[in-house]
Amino acid sequence: KNSMKMFRRNLLSAAVAALIVTVTATSVAAEGLKKGAAFPSLKDFKLEGDVPDTTGKVVIVDFWASWCGPCKRAMPVLKDLHTTYKDKGVVIIGVSLDESKSDMDGYLAKNAMPFSIVRDAKGKLAEKVGVEGIPATFVIGVDGKVIEAHEGFSGSMKKDFTKILDKGGVA
């Protein structure tokens, strides 16, 4: 329990620091899983919500929270990517790190998302993949391995992810 409190405190501190240091976060690999590493099965983490079938799909997993400004700026980009790539074998899953389900639900009531949203209530998945700041976004290939890991938000996010998805043979 103490390690979870420390994880959440570190996560919040990292998010605040990222916001203070730079308005447009860099597009660097998260401290956890690197390119080529296997992404853990979402079904193993007791996530709240429906985890879609990702078999044979390219998957974008985005860790976010309702209180995170950069996360809110990333959501329209994820919506656009969903619209563009949903029929091309790409599944987007938003993983909320909100401590309170009502905070997540309140945000989603005002900002409907067309892709799957689940909640990592205990932060176990985020901890496993090494999320240190949010948003943290992973692109996972059909083989279950990380193609790209981005931490933070930048204005070039849509362009960057489009290039990754197109290069990966999705389009």
C-alpha atoms as a PDB file:
ATOM      1  CA  LYS A   1       0.000   0.000   0.000  1.00  0.00           C
ATOM      2  CA  ASN A   2       2.845   2.371   0.835  1.00  0.00           C
ATOM      3  CA  SER A   3       4.539   1.638  -2.482  1.00  0.00           C
ATOM      4  CA  MET A   4       1.299   2.552  -4.284  1.00  0.00           C
ATOM      5  CA  LYS A   5       1.083   5.843  -2.364  1.00  0.00           C
ATOM      6  CA  MET A   6       4.689   6.577  -3.276  1.00  0.00           C
ATOM      7  CA  PHE A   7       4.007   5.618  -6.916  1.00  0.00           C
ATOM      8  CA  ARG A   8       1.012   7.973  -7.107  1.00  0.00           C
ATOM      9  CA  ARG A   9       2.965  10.760  -5.375  1.00  0.00           C
ATOM     10  CA  ASN A  10       5.867  10.281  -7.802  1.00  0.00           C
ATOM     11  CA  LEU A  11       3.458  10.168 -10.736  1.00  0.00           C
ATOM     12  CA  LEU A  12       1.811  13.426  -9.661  1.00  0.00           C
ATOM     13  CA  SER A  13       5.195  15.060  -9.022  1.00  0.00           C
ATOM     14  CA  ALA A  14       6.445  13.970 -12.432  1.00  0.00           C
ATOM     15  CA  ALA A  15       3.308  15.297 -14.140  1.00  0.00           C
ATOM     16  CA  VAL A  16       3.596  18.657 -12.378  1.00  0.00           C
ATOM     17  CA  ALA A  17       7.322  18.870 -13.122  1.00  0.00           C
ATOM     18  CA  ALA A  18       6.717  18.057 -16.771  1.00  0.00           C
ATOM     19  CA  LEU A  19       4.093  20.786 -16.978  1.00  0.00           C
ATOM     20  CA  ILE A  20       6.346  23.352 -15.289  1.00  0.00           C
ATOM     21  CA  VAL A  21       9.496  22.500 -17.213  1.00  0.00           C
ATOM     22  CA  THR A  22       7.917  22.538 -20.649  1.00  0.00           C
ATOM     23  CA  VAL A  23       4.548  23.314 -22.121  1.00  0.00           C
ATOM     24  CA  THR A  24       5.230  21.100 -25.092  1.00  0.00           C
ATOM     25  CA  ALA A  25       6.663  17.920 -23.690  1.00  0.00           C
ATOM     26  CA  THR A  26       9.299  16.021 -25.545  1.00  0.00           C
ATOM     27  CA  SER A  27       8.634  12.885 -27.492  1.00  0.00           C
ATOM     28  CA  VAL A  28      11.018  10.564 -25.729  1.00  0.00           C
ATOM     29  CA  ALA A  29      10.697   6.993 -24.632  1.00  0.00           C
ATOM     30  CA  ALA A  30       9.131   6.481 -21.242  1.00  0.00           C
ATOM     31  CA  GLU A  31      11.491   5.278 -18.528  1.00  0.00           C
ATOM     32  CA  GLY A  32       9.823   1.873 -18.498  1.00  0.00           C
ATOM     33  CA  LEU A  33       9.325  -0.335 -21.511  1.00  0.00           C
ATOM     34  CA  LYS A  34      11.570   0.423 -24.447  1.00  0.00           C
ATOM     35  CA  LYS A  35      11.136  -0.293 -28.139  1.00  0.00           C
ATOM     36  CA  GLY A  36      11.090  -4.019 -28.785  1.00  0.00           C
ATOM     37  CA  ALA A  37      10.002  -4.984 -25.253  1.00  0.00           C
ATOM     38  CA  ALA A  38       6.880  -7.107 -24.817  1.00  0.00           C
ATOM     39  CA  PHE A  39       3.906  -5.138 -23.474  1.00  0.00           C
ATOM     40  CA  PRO A  40       2.118  -7.062 -20.703  1.00  0.00           C
ATOM     41  CA  SER A  41      -1.328  -8.504 -21.333  1.00  0.00           C
ATOM     42  CA  LEU A  42      -3.988  -6.002 -20.265  1.00  0.00           C
ATOM     43  CA  LYS A  43      -6.176  -8.879 -19.132  1.00  0.00           C
ATOM     44  CA  ASP A  44      -3.686  -9.641 -16.324  1.00  0.00           C
ATOM     45  CA  PHE A  45      -4.263  -6.384 -14.429  1.00  0.00           C
ATOM     46  CA  LYS A  46      -7.890  -6.325 -13.267  1.00  0.00           C
ATOM     47  CA  LEU A  47      -8.549  -3.091 -15.106  1.00  0.00           C
ATOM     48  CA  GLU A  48     -11.974  -1.550 -14.545  1.00  0.00           C
ATOM     49  CA  GLY A  49     -13.942  -1.486 -17.794  1.00  0.00           C
ATOM     50  CA  ASP A  50     -14.035  -3.565 -20.920  1.00  0.00           C
ATOM     51  CA  VAL A  51     -10.665  -4.405 -22.420  1.00  0.00           C
ATOM     52  CA  PRO A  52     -11.186  -4.874 -26.165  1.00  0.00           C
ATOM     53  CA  ASP A  53      -9.769  -7.784 -28.106  1.00  0.00           C
ATOM     54  CA  THR A  54      -6.343  -6.748 -29.361  1.00  0.00           C
ATOM     55  CA  THR A  55      -5.401  -9.995 -31.079  1.00  0.00           C
ATOM     56  CA  GLY A  56      -3.711  -9.278 -34.403  1.00  0.00           C
ATOM     57  CA  LYS A  57      -4.068  -5.521 -33.919  1.00  0.00           C
ATOM     58  CA  VAL A  58      -1.740  -2.590 -33.505  1.00  0.00           C
ATOM     59  CA  VAL A  59      -2.614  -1.100 -30.119  1.00  0.00           C
ATOM     60  CA  ILE A  60      -2.114   2.384 -28.738  1.00  0.00           C
ATOM     61  CA  VAL A  61      -2.255   2.442 -24.938  1.00  0.00           C
ATOM     62  CA  ASP A  62      -2.460   5.926 -23.463  1.00  0.00           C
ATOM     63  CA  PHE A  63      -2.127   6.503 -19.716  1.00  0.00           C
ATOM     64  CA  TRP A  64      -3.970   9.641 -18.605  1.00  0.00           C
ATOM     65  CA  ALA A  65      -5.920  11.258 -15.759  1.00  0.00           C
ATOM     66  CA  SER A  66      -8.774  13.767 -15.642  1.00  0.00           C
ATOM     67  CA  TRP A  67      -6.663  16.305 -13.726  1.00  0.00           C
ATOM     68  CA  CYS A  68      -3.781  16.222 -16.239  1.00  0.00           C
ATOM     69  CA  GLY A  69      -3.698  19.216 -18.614  1.00  0.00           C
ATOM     70  CA  PRO A  70      -1.343  17.648 -21.193  1.00  0.00           C
ATOM     71  CA  CYS A  71      -3.519  14.506 -21.149  1.00  0.00           C
ATOM     72  CA  LYS A  72      -6.572  16.603 -22.008  1.00  0.00           C
ATOM     73  CA  ARG A  73      -4.683  18.153 -24.929  1.00  0.00           C
ATOM     74  CA  ALA A  74      -3.755  14.673 -26.174  1.00  0.00           C
ATOM     75  CA  MET A  75      -7.342  13.373 -26.207  1.00  0.00           C
ATOM     76  CA  PRO A  76      -8.424  15.114 -29.458  1.00  0.00           C
ATOM     77  CA  VAL A  77      -5.335  13.681 -31.154  1.00  0.00           C
ATOM     78  CA  LEU A  78      -6.246  10.195 -29.972  1.00  0.00           C
ATOM     79  CA  LYS A  79      -9.814  10.732 -31.219  1.00  0.00           C
ATOM     80  CA  ASP A  80      -8.472  11.706 -34.654  1.00  0.00           C
ATOM     81  CA  LEU A  81      -6.137   8.710 -34.748  1.00  0.00           C
ATOM     82  CA  HIS A  82      -9.047   6.452 -33.770  1.00  0.00           C
ATOM     83  CA  THR A  83     -11.178   7.839 -36.612  1.00  0.00           C
ATOM     84  CA  THR A  84      -8.366   7.459 -39.138  1.00  0.00           C
ATOM     85  CA  TYR A  85      -7.077   4.026 -38.125  1.00  0.00           C
ATOM     86  CA  LYS A  86      -9.960   2.110 -36.486  1.00  0.00           C
ATOM     87  CA  ASP A  87     -10.780   0.339 -39.753  1.00  0.00           C
ATOM     88  CA  LYS A  88      -7.106  -0.407 -40.409  1.00  0.00           C
ATOM     89  CA  GLY A  89      -6.491  -2.709 -37.446  1.00  0.00           C
ATOM     90  CA  VAL A  90      -5.578  -0.130 -34.786  1.00  0.00           C
ATOM     91  CA  VAL A  91      -7.154  -0.241 -31.327  1.00  0.00           C
ATOM     92  CA  ILE A  92      -6.785   2.686 -28.932  1.00  0.00           C
ATOM     93  CA  ILE A  93      -7.182   2.138 -25.213  1.00  0.00           C
ATOM     94  CA  GLY A  94      -7.144   4.993 -22.727  1.00  0.00           C
ATOM     95  CA  VAL A  95      -5.988   3.878 -19.284  1.00  0.00           C
ATOM     96  CA  SER A  96      -7.168   6.280 -16.602  1.00  0.00           C
ATOM     97  CA  LEU A  97      -4.990   6.653 -13.527  1.00  0.00           C
ATOM     98  CA  ASP A  98      -7.628   8.640 -11.663  1.00  0.00           C
ATOM     99  CA  GLU A  99      -7.850   7.544  -8.037  1.00  0.00           C
ATOM    100  CA  SER A 100     -11.570   8.232  -8.056  1.00  0.00           C
ATOM    101  CA  LYS A 101     -13.831   6.586 -10.604  1.00  0.00           C
ATOM    102  CA  SER A 102     -16.203   9.549 -10.291  1.00  0.00           C
ATOM    103  CA  ASP A 103     -13.426  11.932 -11.412  1.00  0.00           C
ATOM    104  CA  MET A 104     -12.857   9.827 -14.523  1.00  0.00           C
ATOM    105  CA  ASP A 105     -16.587   9.442 -15.183  1.00  0.00           C
ATOM    106  CA  GLY A 106     -17.167  13.183 -14.739  1.00  0.00           C
ATOM    107  CA  TYR A 107     -14.491  14.014 -17.297  1.00  0.00           C
ATOM    108  CA  LEU A 108     -15.802  11.416 -19.765  1.00  0.00           C
ATOM    109  CA  ALA A 109     -19.404  12.655 -19.358  1.00  0.00           C
ATOM    110  CA  LYS A 110     -18.249  16.022 -20.707  1.00  0.00           C
ATOM    111  CA  ASN A 111     -15.670  14.608 -23.144  1.00  0.00           C
ATOM    112  CA  ALA A 112     -16.952  11.414 -24.744  1.00  0.00           C
ATOM    113  CA  MET A 113     -14.231   9.217 -26.186  1.00  0.00           C
ATOM    114  CA  PRO A 114     -14.920   6.954 -29.182  1.00  0.00           C
ATOM    115  CA  PHE A 115     -12.296   4.423 -28.057  1.00  0.00           C
ATOM    116  CA  SER A 116     -12.087   2.099 -25.062  1.00  0.00           C
ATOM    117  CA  ILE A 117     -11.392   3.609 -21.662  1.00  0.00           C
ATOM    118  CA  VAL A 118     -10.408   1.483 -18.690  1.00  0.00           C
ATOM    119  CA  ARG A 119      -9.188   2.449 -15.209  1.00  0.00           C
ATOM    120  CA  ASP A 120      -6.033   1.193 -13.566  1.00  0.00           C
ATOM    121  CA  ALA A 121      -7.398   1.878 -10.079  1.00  0.00           C
ATOM    122  CA  LYS A 122      -4.409   0.461  -8.226  1.00  0.00           C
ATOM    123  CA  GLY A 123      -1.816   1.651 -10.759  1.00  0.00           C
ATOM    124  CA  LYS A 124      -0.469  -1.875 -11.219  1.00  0.00           C
ATOM    125  CA  LEU A 125      -0.249  -1.729 -15.022  1.00  0.00           C
ATOM    126  CA  ALA A 126       1.302   1.752 -14.965  1.00  0.00           C
ATOM    127  CA  GLU A 127       3.837   0.549 -12.419  1.00  0.00           C
ATOM    128  CA  LYS A 128       4.627  -2.579 -14.444  1.00  0.00           C
ATOM    129  CA  VAL A 129       5.358  -0.645 -17.643  1.00  0.00           C
ATOM    130  CA  GLY A 130       7.272   2.091 -15.814  1.00  0.00           C
ATOM    131  CA  VAL A 131       5.018   5.100 -16.311  1.00  0.00           C
ATOM    132  CA  GLU A 132       6.641   8.048 -14.554  1.00  0.00           C
ATOM    133  CA  GLY A 133       4.726  10.916 -16.132  1.00  0.00           C
ATOM    134  CA  ILE A 134       1.509  11.299 -18.064  1.00  0.00           C
ATOM    135  CA  PRO A 135       0.349  11.218 -20.673  1.00  0.00           C
ATOM    136  CA  ALA A 136       2.428   8.159 -21.450  1.00  0.00           C
ATOM    137  CA  THR A 137       1.577   6.536 -24.749  1.00  0.00           C
ATOM    138  CA  PHE A 138       2.743   3.192 -26.076  1.00  0.00           C
ATOM    139  CA  VAL A 139       2.312   1.928 -29.636  1.00  0.00           C
ATOM    140  CA  ILE A 140       2.298  -1.869 -29.596  1.00  0.00           C
ATOM    141  CA  GLY A 141       2.718  -3.966 -32.724  1.00  0.00           C
ATOM    142  CA  VAL A 142       0.650  -6.996 -33.692  1.00  0.00           C
ATOM    143  CA  ASP A 143       3.425  -9.093 -32.128  1.00  0.00           C
ATOM    144  CA  GLY A 144       2.736  -7.500 -28.714  1.00  0.00           C
ATOM    145  CA  LYS A 145       6.022  -5.599 -28.669  1.00  0.00           C
ATOM    146  CA  VAL A 146       6.469  -1.878 -28.118  1.00  0.00           C
ATOM    147  CA  ILE A 147       7.015  -0.009 -31.389  1.00  0.00           C
ATOM    148  CA  GLU A 148       7.216   3.389 -29.718  1.00  0.00           C
ATOM    149  CA  ALA A 149       6.854   4.928 -26.256  1.00  0.00           C
ATOM    150  CA  HIS A 150       6.111   8.629 -25.780  1.00  0.00           C
ATOM    151  CA  GLU A 151       5.852  10.558 -22.560  1.00  0.00           C
ATOM    152  CA  GLY A 152       4.169  13.940 -22.456  1.00  0.00           C
ATOM    153  CA  PHE A 153       2.338  15.882 -25.130  1.00  0.00           C
ATOM    154  CA  SER A 154       3.582  17.968 -28.011  1.00  0.00           C
ATOM    155  CA  GLY A 155       1.862  19.753 -30.858  1.00  0.00           C
ATOM    156  CA  SER A 156       3.416  17.285 -33.290  1.00  0.00           C
ATOM    157  CA  MET A 157       1.864  14.237 -31.585  1.00  0.00           C
ATOM    158  CA  LYS A 158      -0.646  13.520 -34.374  1.00  0.00           C
ATOM    159  CA  LYS A 159       2.026  13.845 -37.068  1.00  0.00           C
ATOM    160  CA  ASP A 160       4.461  11.697 -35.059  1.00  0.00           C
ATOM    161  CA  PHE A 161       1.958   8.911 -34.444  1.00  0.00           C
ATOM    162  CA  THR A 162       0.650   9.007 -38.019  1.00  0.00           C
ATOM    163  CA  LYS A 163       4.198   8.527 -39.266  1.00  0.00           C
ATOM    164  CA  ILE A 164       4.705   5.604 -36.866  1.00  0.00           C
ATOM    165  CA  LEU A 165       1.423   3.938 -37.822  1.00  0.00           C
ATOM    166  CA  ASP A 166       1.954   4.450 -41.552  1.00  0.00           C
ATOM    167  CA  LYS A 167       5.548   3.230 -41.352  1.00  0.00           C
ATOM    168  CA  GLY A 168       4.386   0.175 -39.411  1.00  0.00           C
ATOM    169  CA  GLY A 169       2.361  -0.975 -42.403  1.00  0.00           C
ATOM    170  CA  VAL A 170      -0.984  -0.225 -40.785  1.00  0.00           C
ATOM    171  CA  ALA A 171      -2.336   2.193 -43.387  1.00  0.00           C
END
